[in-house]
Amino acid sequence: MGHMDHFSAGWVTPVLSYIMACVGSALGLRCTVRALETDGASKRNWLLLASFAIGSGIWTMHFVAMMGFGVEGTPIRYDVPLTVLSLAIAIAVVSAGVFTAGYGRSRVASVALGGLGTGLGVAAMHYTGMAALNLHGTVDYDPVRVTASVVIAVVAASAALTLTLTVRGPVLAAVAALVMGLAVSSMHYTAMYAVDVSLAPSSAELPGATATEFLFPLAVVLGSFLFLTSAYVALSPTGKRAESVAAELLREVELSTATATATATATAPAPATTATA
């Protein structure tokens, strides 16, 4: 069994990953609040932006944290298509939860279904991202700890949505973002605690990209987007003028995501295949 180190870069990766989760959550929850104040196309645009923010925030958190993950006795590579798929899954599943919360008539049902969808989005993103892991060996999971990680994500996401839908004010909004960030981080490290790696030593070159070749550039792009868009949303108008702001932001998000994915994929090395020694 391979010895795993989740903090090979010290406390930089867990702290930075938590900050990214909080930023994405704060932006997403703020956009959800804006959506509740409007209707029609404006509501849809704010909810789409919330989905992009939370989805990209939790994805960035996960892979920033994974930069500190190492297994003694084997290098680690990441399958590029699966890694990009994990980002798409995060946005898509979180979108289902956010739209349920935004359009639900019953506040209780909105929180329950929205929290379930958002929590499952976090879990789906994580385990798809873990499936992209290439190393000399096999990765297994403890089912009890996997279940615990999903429950943590759903419960904490529901708590964050409860605060968002029932309370107002900057302090409580910050608390909601911190809770959501804690949900993502707690889920990640609980899920990583469920991992067991059985090594199969080999001299074969692993396919895929290293964290610095692919994950770091994409995480930086998405992280920069989250910080800049957070400032934009904080200074954007409320009421009817918010509709044009939400539409413009949504176009920028789509362009930014497409550009980041294309750039990261282009810089990733082509898979190499060599015979196993």
Protein backbone atom coordinates (compact mmCIF):
# COMPACT_ATOMS: atom_id res chain seq x y z
CA MET A 1 0.00 0.00 0.00
CA GLY A 2 1.37 3.39 -0.98
CA HIS A 3 1.99 6.03 1.65
CA MET A 4 -0.10 9.11 0.84
CA ASP A 5 0.74 12.69 1.74
CA HIS A 6 -2.12 15.19 1.47
CA PHE A 7 0.00 18.16 2.56
CA SER A 8 3.22 17.74 0.60
CA ALA A 9 3.30 21.50 -0.02
CA GLY A 10 2.58 22.33 3.62
CA TRP A 11 -0.45 24.40 4.60
CA VAL A 12 -0.38 26.50 1.44
CA THR A 13 -2.64 24.21 -0.59
CA PRO A 14 -5.37 23.59 2.04
CA VAL A 15 -5.56 27.26 3.00
CA LEU A 16 -5.58 28.51 -0.59
CA SER A 17 -8.10 25.86 -1.63
CA TYR A 18 -10.43 26.88 1.20
CA ILE A 19 -10.16 30.54 0.18
CA MET A 20 -11.07 29.63 -3.41
CA ALA A 21 -14.06 27.61 -2.21
CA CYS A 22 -15.27 30.55 -0.11
CA VAL A 23 -14.84 33.03 -2.97
CA GLY A 24 -16.77 30.83 -5.39
CA SER A 25 -19.47 30.21 -2.80
CA ALA A 26 -19.79 33.89 -1.88
CA LEU A 27 -20.15 34.87 -5.52
CA GLY A 28 -22.61 32.06 -6.26
CA LEU A 29 -24.77 32.72 -3.22
CA ARG A 30 -24.76 36.46 -3.91
CA CYS A 31 -25.93 35.81 -7.47
CA THR A 32 -28.66 33.55 -6.08
CA VAL A 33 -29.87 36.39 -3.86
CA ARG A 34 -29.93 38.72 -6.88
CA ALA A 35 -31.95 36.11 -8.76
CA LEU A 36 -34.56 36.05 -5.99
CA GLU A 37 -35.02 39.81 -6.40
CA THR A 38 -35.78 39.61 -10.14
CA ASP A 39 -37.72 37.52 -12.63
CA GLY A 40 -37.70 36.52 -16.28
CA ALA A 41 -34.41 36.52 -18.18
CA SER A 42 -32.64 38.38 -15.39
CA LYS A 43 -33.42 35.61 -12.88
CA ARG A 44 -32.18 32.98 -15.31
CA ASN A 45 -28.93 34.86 -15.99
CA TRP A 46 -28.18 35.36 -12.30
CA LEU A 47 -28.82 31.67 -11.59
CA LEU A 48 -26.60 30.61 -14.48
CA LEU A 49 -23.84 32.86 -13.18
CA ALA A 50 -24.33 31.39 -9.69
CA SER A 51 -23.92 27.90 -11.15
CA PHE A 52 -20.70 28.84 -12.98
CA ALA A 53 -19.33 30.51 -9.83
CA ILE A 54 -20.04 27.69 -7.39
CA GLY A 55 -19.11 24.97 -9.88
CA SER A 56 -15.79 26.53 -10.86
CA GLY A 57 -15.12 27.46 -7.23
CA ILE A 58 -15.43 23.90 -5.95
CA TRP A 59 -13.46 22.56 -8.92
CA THR A 60 -10.64 25.03 -8.25
CA MET A 61 -10.70 24.14 -4.55
CA HIS A 62 -10.40 20.43 -5.33
CA PHE A 63 -7.47 20.67 -7.70
CA VAL A 64 -5.59 23.28 -5.70
CA ALA A 65 -5.82 20.84 -2.79
CA MET A 66 -4.70 18.00 -5.09
CA MET A 67 -1.49 19.89 -5.83
CA GLY A 68 -0.49 18.94 -2.31
CA PHE A 69 -1.35 15.26 -2.82
CA GLY A 70 1.40 12.74 -3.41
CA VAL A 71 1.93 8.98 -3.18
CA GLU A 72 5.34 7.63 -2.21
CA GLY A 73 6.70 5.32 -4.89
CA THR A 74 4.81 6.62 -7.92
CA PRO A 75 4.43 9.80 -9.95
CA ILE A 76 0.93 11.19 -10.51
CA ARG A 77 -0.60 12.32 -13.78
CA TYR A 78 -4.09 13.58 -14.65
CA ASP A 79 -6.26 12.52 -17.58
CA VAL A 80 -7.07 15.81 -19.33
CA PRO A 81 -10.53 14.98 -20.78
CA LEU A 82 -11.76 13.53 -17.48
CA THR A 83 -10.44 16.52 -15.57
CA VAL A 84 -12.31 18.90 -17.87
CA LEU A 85 -15.39 16.67 -17.58
CA SER A 86 -15.26 17.00 -13.80
CA LEU A 87 -15.52 20.79 -14.19
CA ALA A 88 -18.50 20.43 -16.54
CA ILE A 89 -20.20 18.01 -14.12
CA ALA A 90 -19.67 20.40 -11.21
CA ILE A 91 -21.33 23.27 -13.08
CA ALA A 92 -24.16 21.14 -14.49
CA VAL A 93 -25.19 19.41 -11.26
CA VAL A 94 -24.80 22.53 -9.14
CA SER A 95 -26.94 24.32 -11.73
CA ALA A 96 -29.77 21.87 -11.08
CA GLY A 97 -29.59 22.60 -7.36
CA VAL A 98 -29.33 26.36 -7.77
CA PHE A 99 -32.24 26.55 -10.23
CA THR A 100 -34.36 24.45 -7.89
CA ALA A 101 -33.63 26.87 -5.07
CA GLY A 102 -34.23 29.89 -7.29
CA TYR A 103 -37.54 28.82 -8.82
CA GLY A 104 -38.99 26.74 -5.99
CA ARG A 105 -42.24 28.04 -4.50
CA SER A 106 -41.75 26.28 -1.18
CA ARG A 107 -38.75 27.56 0.74
CA VAL A 108 -38.37 24.28 2.61
CA ALA A 109 -38.45 22.25 -0.61
CA SER A 110 -36.09 24.73 -2.27
CA VAL A 111 -33.51 24.32 0.48
CA ALA A 112 -33.88 20.54 0.62
CA LEU A 113 -33.69 19.92 -3.13
CA GLY A 114 -31.21 22.73 -3.78
CA GLY A 115 -28.90 21.52 -1.03
CA LEU A 116 -29.16 17.96 -2.29
CA GLY A 117 -28.33 18.98 -5.86
CA THR A 118 -25.46 21.26 -4.85
CA GLY A 119 -24.01 18.69 -2.44
CA LEU A 120 -24.20 15.93 -5.03
CA GLY A 121 -22.54 18.28 -7.51
CA VAL A 122 -19.59 18.67 -5.16
CA ALA A 123 -19.35 14.89 -4.72
CA ALA A 124 -19.74 14.15 -8.44
CA MET A 125 -17.02 16.63 -9.30
CA HIS A 126 -14.66 15.17 -6.70
CA TYR A 127 -14.97 11.53 -7.66
CA THR A 128 -14.84 12.27 -11.40
CA GLY A 129 -11.68 14.26 -10.75
CA MET A 130 -10.26 11.33 -8.77
CA ALA A 131 -11.07 9.01 -11.68
CA ALA A 132 -8.73 11.18 -13.77
CA LEU A 133 -5.83 10.18 -11.51
CA ASN A 134 -3.14 8.07 -13.21
CA LEU A 135 -0.49 6.35 -11.09
CA HIS A 136 1.37 3.05 -10.86
CA GLY A 137 -1.22 1.16 -8.89
CA THR A 138 -4.94 1.08 -8.14
CA VAL A 139 -7.14 3.43 -6.13
CA ASP A 140 -9.82 1.98 -3.84
CA TYR A 141 -12.33 3.65 -1.54
CA ASP A 142 -13.79 2.91 1.87
CA PRO A 143 -17.58 2.98 1.23
CA VAL A 144 -18.44 4.26 4.73
CA ARG A 145 -16.13 7.25 4.41
CA VAL A 146 -17.35 7.92 0.86
CA THR A 147 -20.92 8.04 2.17
CA ALA A 148 -19.83 10.33 4.99
CA SER A 149 -18.19 12.71 2.51
CA VAL A 150 -21.40 12.97 0.44
CA VAL A 151 -23.54 13.55 3.56
CA ILE A 152 -21.19 16.31 4.71
CA ALA A 153 -21.45 18.04 1.33
CA VAL A 154 -25.26 17.86 1.21
CA VAL A 155 -25.83 18.97 4.82
CA ALA A 156 -23.42 21.89 4.69
CA ALA A 157 -24.66 23.02 1.26
CA SER A 158 -28.23 22.94 2.59
CA ALA A 159 -27.17 25.05 5.57
CA ALA A 160 -25.58 27.62 3.26
CA LEU A 161 -28.71 27.79 1.10
CA THR A 162 -30.87 28.16 4.22
CA LEU A 163 -28.88 31.23 5.23
CA THR A 164 -29.05 32.59 1.69
CA LEU A 165 -32.82 32.18 1.27
CA THR A 166 -33.93 33.22 4.74
CA VAL A 167 -31.59 35.95 5.94
CA ARG A 168 -30.10 39.17 4.59
CA GLY A 169 -27.11 41.32 5.45
CA PRO A 170 -23.38 41.29 4.67
CA VAL A 171 -22.35 39.51 7.87
CA LEU A 172 -24.74 36.60 7.40
CA ALA A 173 -23.88 36.46 3.71
CA ALA A 174 -20.23 36.05 4.67
CA VAL A 175 -21.17 33.33 7.15
CA ALA A 176 -23.08 31.49 4.40
CA ALA A 177 -20.02 31.61 2.13
CA LEU A 178 -17.75 30.36 4.92
CA VAL A 179 -20.16 27.49 5.61
CA MET A 180 -20.27 26.56 1.95
CA GLY A 181 -16.49 26.75 1.69
CA LEU A 182 -16.24 24.52 4.75
CA ALA A 183 -18.65 22.09 3.11
CA VAL A 184 -16.46 21.74 0.04
CA SER A 185 -13.19 21.49 1.97
CA SER A 186 -14.58 19.04 4.55
CA MET A 187 -16.06 16.88 1.82
CA HIS A 188 -12.74 16.86 -0.06
CA TYR A 189 -10.55 15.79 2.83
CA THR A 190 -13.11 13.29 4.14
CA ALA A 191 -13.24 11.76 0.66
CA MET A 192 -9.44 11.70 0.47
CA TYR A 193 -9.38 9.93 3.84
CA ALA A 194 -11.43 7.19 2.15
CA VAL A 195 -8.69 6.56 -0.44
CA ASP A 196 -6.42 3.52 -0.40
CA VAL A 197 -3.66 3.14 -2.99
CA SER A 198 -2.19 -0.27 -3.84
CA LEU A 199 1.10 0.22 -5.68
CA ALA A 200 2.17 -1.74 -8.75
CA PRO A 201 5.76 -0.60 -9.38
CA SER A 202 6.56 0.02 -13.03
CA SER A 203 8.99 2.01 -15.16
CA ALA A 204 6.34 2.75 -17.78
CA GLU A 205 5.62 6.40 -18.49
CA LEU A 206 2.22 7.42 -17.19
CA PRO A 207 -0.22 9.09 -19.61
CA GLY A 208 -1.68 12.48 -18.84
CA ALA A 209 -0.44 15.80 -17.53
CA THR A 210 1.21 16.82 -14.29
CA ALA A 211 -0.47 19.27 -11.93
CA THR A 212 1.83 22.11 -12.97
CA GLU A 213 1.36 21.43 -16.69
CA PHE A 214 -2.42 21.43 -16.69
CA LEU A 215 -4.16 21.94 -13.36
CA PHE A 216 -2.23 24.98 -12.16
CA PRO A 217 -2.78 27.15 -15.29
CA LEU A 218 -6.50 26.33 -15.42
CA ALA A 219 -6.93 26.86 -11.67
CA VAL A 220 -5.21 30.24 -11.92
CA VAL A 221 -7.49 31.33 -14.77
CA LEU A 222 -10.65 30.22 -12.96
CA GLY A 223 -9.45 31.68 -9.68
CA SER A 224 -8.75 35.04 -11.30
CA PHE A 225 -12.19 34.96 -12.89
CA LEU A 226 -13.81 34.35 -9.49
CA PHE A 227 -11.99 37.22 -7.80
CA LEU A 228 -12.62 39.72 -10.59
CA THR A 229 -16.26 38.75 -11.04
CA SER A 230 -16.84 38.94 -7.28
CA ALA A 231 -15.78 42.58 -7.34
CA TYR A 232 -17.94 43.22 -10.40
CA VAL A 233 -21.04 41.70 -8.80
CA ALA A 234 -20.43 43.54 -5.53
CA LEU A 235 -20.40 46.87 -7.38
CA SER A 236 -23.18 46.03 -9.85
CA PRO A 237 -26.60 47.68 -9.60
CA THR A 238 -29.69 46.07 -8.17
CA GLY A 239 -33.18 46.07 -9.58
CA LYS A 240 -33.93 46.31 -13.29
CA ARG A 241 -30.45 47.47 -14.31
CA ALA A 242 -29.09 44.21 -12.88
CA GLU A 243 -30.54 42.31 -15.85
CA SER A 244 -28.03 43.76 -18.31
CA VAL A 245 -25.19 43.23 -15.83
CA ALA A 246 -26.10 39.58 -15.34
CA ALA A 247 -26.34 38.99 -19.10
CA GLU A 248 -22.95 40.64 -19.69
CA LEU A 249 -21.32 38.67 -16.89
CA LEU A 250 -22.75 35.43 -18.23
CA ARG A 251 -21.23 36.09 -21.64
CA GLU A 252 -17.87 36.84 -20.02
CA VAL A 253 -18.06 33.63 -17.95
CA GLU A 254 -18.77 31.49 -21.01
CA LEU A 255 -15.90 33.11 -22.95
CA SER A 256 -13.50 32.83 -19.98
CA THR A 257 -14.31 29.16 -19.37
CA ALA A 258 -13.98 28.24 -23.06
CA THR A 259 -10.67 30.10 -23.36
CA ALA A 260 -9.26 28.57 -20.17
CA THR A 261 -10.20 25.04 -21.19
CA ALA A 262 -8.80 25.46 -24.71
CA THR A 263 -5.55 26.95 -23.38
CA ALA A 264 -5.06 24.27 -20.73
CA THR A 265 -5.83 21.46 -23.15
CA ALA A 266 -3.43 22.90 -25.73
CA THR A 267 -0.59 23.12 -23.21
CA ALA A 268 -1.13 19.60 -21.87
CA PRO A 269 1.31 17.04 -23.32
CA ALA A 270 0.04 14.36 -25.65
CA PRO A 271 -0.34 10.93 -23.99
CA ALA A 272 2.71 8.77 -24.37
CA THR A 273 2.63 4.98 -24.42
CA THR A 274 5.60 2.83 -23.57
CA ALA A 275 5.93 -0.80 -22.73
CA THR A 276 5.71 -1.82 -19.12
CA ALA A 277 9.01 -2.89 -17.70
